[in-house]
Amino acid sequence: MVFENVTMGNSRGMHLRPAMVFASRMSRYDARIRLEAGDRAADGKSFVSILRAGIGDVTQVRVVCDGPDEEEMLRRAADLIQSGFGEL
């Protein structure tokens, strides 16, 4: 298991479009991914879970990956979150 605290690069947070992009890209990996913010948590492969957990309104998120390709998945997830999904 690997994890990293990542600062959200999008001032509007992870709303619908970024959540869909994130979940779609993370679904390409075999590892599991979890997004945590305070007492909220979401399955990073499910945009519905991300939206339901209210991860979109945070500035800092912990990304936790566990599985065979966890290192690569964590790097890609952190890059996506920090990039702001092209919506800076």
C-alpha atoms as a PDB file:
ATOM      1  CA  MET A   1       0.000   0.000   0.000  1.00  0.00           C
ATOM      2  CA  VAL A   2       1.230   3.488  -0.903  1.00  0.00           C
ATOM      3  CA  PHE A   3      -0.269   6.890  -0.228  1.00  0.00           C
ATOM      4  CA  GLU A   4       0.368  10.580  -0.773  1.00  0.00           C
ATOM      5  CA  ASN A   5      -1.273  13.825   0.345  1.00  0.00           C
ATOM      6  CA  VAL A   6      -2.036  15.868  -2.752  1.00  0.00           C
ATOM      7  CA  THR A   7      -3.134  19.488  -3.145  1.00  0.00           C
ATOM      8  CA  MET A   8      -6.078  19.974  -5.485  1.00  0.00           C
ATOM      9  CA  GLY A   9      -4.930  21.962  -8.519  1.00  0.00           C
ATOM     10  CA  ASN A  10      -8.449  22.979  -9.496  1.00  0.00           C
ATOM     11  CA  SER A  11     -10.003  25.867  -7.571  1.00  0.00           C
ATOM     12  CA  ARG A  12     -13.480  24.396  -8.173  1.00  0.00           C
ATOM     13  CA  GLY A  13     -12.475  20.999  -6.778  1.00  0.00           C
ATOM     14  CA  MET A  14     -13.331  17.610  -8.197  1.00  0.00           C
ATOM     15  CA  HIS A  15     -16.822  18.264  -9.540  1.00  0.00           C
ATOM     16  CA  LEU A  16     -18.599  16.089 -12.111  1.00  0.00           C
ATOM     17  CA  ARG A  17     -16.268  16.326 -15.126  1.00  0.00           C
ATOM     18  CA  PRO A  18     -12.988  15.948 -13.211  1.00  0.00           C
ATOM     19  CA  ALA A  19     -14.491  13.119 -11.150  1.00  0.00           C
ATOM     20  CA  MET A  20     -15.493  11.299 -14.340  1.00  0.00           C
ATOM     21  CA  VAL A  21     -12.062  11.817 -15.918  1.00  0.00           C
ATOM     22  CA  PHE A  22     -10.302  10.687 -12.738  1.00  0.00           C
ATOM     23  CA  ALA A  23     -12.419   7.557 -12.246  1.00  0.00           C
ATOM     24  CA  SER A  24     -12.101   6.608 -15.915  1.00  0.00           C
ATOM     25  CA  ARG A  25      -8.305   6.891 -15.909  1.00  0.00           C
ATOM     26  CA  MET A  26      -7.901   5.086 -12.600  1.00  0.00           C
ATOM     27  CA  SER A  27     -10.077   2.212 -13.850  1.00  0.00           C
ATOM     28  CA  ARG A  28      -7.235   1.294 -16.224  1.00  0.00           C
ATOM     29  CA  TYR A  29      -5.172   0.042 -13.269  1.00  0.00           C
ATOM     30  CA  ASP A  30      -5.506  -3.208 -11.359  1.00  0.00           C
ATOM     31  CA  ALA A  31      -4.802  -1.644  -7.957  1.00  0.00           C
ATOM     32  CA  ARG A  32      -7.536  -0.257  -5.731  1.00  0.00           C
ATOM     33  CA  ILE A  33      -7.611   3.487  -5.085  1.00  0.00           C
ATOM     34  CA  ARG A  34      -9.207   5.420  -2.268  1.00  0.00           C
ATOM     35  CA  LEU A  35      -9.509   9.183  -1.884  1.00  0.00           C
ATOM     36  CA  GLU A  36      -9.683  10.473   1.682  1.00  0.00           C
ATOM     37  CA  ALA A  37     -10.394  13.963   3.000  1.00  0.00           C
ATOM     38  CA  GLY A  38     -10.986  14.226   6.739  1.00  0.00           C
ATOM     39  CA  ASP A  39     -13.764  11.804   7.615  1.00  0.00           C
ATOM     40  CA  ARG A  40     -14.859  11.481   3.980  1.00  0.00           C
ATOM     41  CA  ALA A  41     -13.640   8.722   1.669  1.00  0.00           C
ATOM     42  CA  ALA A  42     -14.387   7.562  -1.858  1.00  0.00           C
ATOM     43  CA  ASP A  43     -13.574   4.760  -4.259  1.00  0.00           C
ATOM     44  CA  GLY A  44     -11.343   6.513  -6.793  1.00  0.00           C
ATOM     45  CA  LYS A  45     -12.608   4.307  -9.620  1.00  0.00           C
ATOM     46  CA  SER A  46     -16.206   5.481  -9.157  1.00  0.00           C
ATOM     47  CA  PHE A  47     -17.157   9.039 -10.058  1.00  0.00           C
ATOM     48  CA  VAL A  48     -20.442   8.525  -8.211  1.00  0.00           C
ATOM     49  CA  SER A  49     -18.546   7.582  -5.048  1.00  0.00           C
ATOM     50  CA  ILE A  50     -16.298  10.646  -5.428  1.00  0.00           C
ATOM     51  CA  LEU A  51     -19.291  12.962  -5.838  1.00  0.00           C
ATOM     52  CA  ARG A  52     -21.286  11.288  -3.053  1.00  0.00           C
ATOM     53  CA  ALA A  53     -18.369  11.646  -0.612  1.00  0.00           C
ATOM     54  CA  GLY A  54     -18.104  15.367  -1.315  1.00  0.00           C
ATOM     55  CA  ILE A  55     -14.407  15.157  -2.178  1.00  0.00           C
ATOM     56  CA  GLY A  56     -14.892  17.995  -4.667  1.00  0.00           C
ATOM     57  CA  ASP A  57     -14.884  20.813  -2.136  1.00  0.00           C
ATOM     58  CA  VAL A  58     -11.547  20.042  -0.484  1.00  0.00           C
ATOM     59  CA  THR A  59      -8.123  21.523  -1.169  1.00  0.00           C
ATOM     60  CA  GLN A  60      -6.107  18.544   0.116  1.00  0.00           C
ATOM     61  CA  VAL A  61      -6.811  14.877  -0.513  1.00  0.00           C
ATOM     62  CA  ARG A  62      -4.991  11.719   0.548  1.00  0.00           C
ATOM     63  CA  VAL A  63      -4.657   9.209  -2.275  1.00  0.00           C
ATOM     64  CA  VAL A  64      -4.242   5.599  -1.134  1.00  0.00           C
ATOM     65  CA  CYS A  65      -3.422   2.860  -3.665  1.00  0.00           C
ATOM     66  CA  ASP A  66      -3.110  -0.841  -3.002  1.00  0.00           C
ATOM     67  CA  GLY A  67      -2.339  -3.512  -5.563  1.00  0.00           C
ATOM     68  CA  PRO A  68       0.087  -4.737  -8.202  1.00  0.00           C
ATOM     69  CA  ASP A  69       0.511  -1.424 -10.047  1.00  0.00           C
ATOM     70  CA  GLU A  70       0.027   0.865  -7.042  1.00  0.00           C
ATOM     71  CA  GLU A  71       3.166   2.983  -7.559  1.00  0.00           C
ATOM     72  CA  GLU A  72       2.308   3.901 -11.142  1.00  0.00           C
ATOM     73  CA  MET A  73      -1.330   4.471 -10.226  1.00  0.00           C
ATOM     74  CA  LEU A  74      -0.377   6.784  -7.360  1.00  0.00           C
ATOM     75  CA  ARG A  75       1.911   8.855  -9.583  1.00  0.00           C
ATOM     76  CA  ARG A  76      -0.772   9.226 -12.251  1.00  0.00           C
ATOM     77  CA  ALA A  77      -3.488  10.046  -9.704  1.00  0.00           C
ATOM     78  CA  ALA A  78      -1.341  12.710  -8.034  1.00  0.00           C
ATOM     79  CA  ASP A  79      -0.480  14.233 -11.422  1.00  0.00           C
ATOM     80  CA  LEU A  80      -4.146  14.391 -12.425  1.00  0.00           C
ATOM     81  CA  ILE A  81      -5.247  16.004  -9.168  1.00  0.00           C
ATOM     82  CA  GLN A  82      -2.407  18.528  -9.131  1.00  0.00           C
ATOM     83  CA  SER A  83      -2.916  19.429 -12.797  1.00  0.00           C
ATOM     84  CA  GLY A  84      -6.422  20.693 -12.106  1.00  0.00           C
ATOM     85  CA  PHE A  85      -7.799  18.620 -14.972  1.00  0.00           C
ATOM     86  CA  GLY A  86      -7.188  21.572 -17.307  1.00  0.00           C
ATOM     87  CA  GLU A  87      -9.580  23.763 -15.290  1.00  0.00           C
ATOM     88  CA  LEU A  88      -7.204  25.990 -13.328  1.00  0.00           C
END
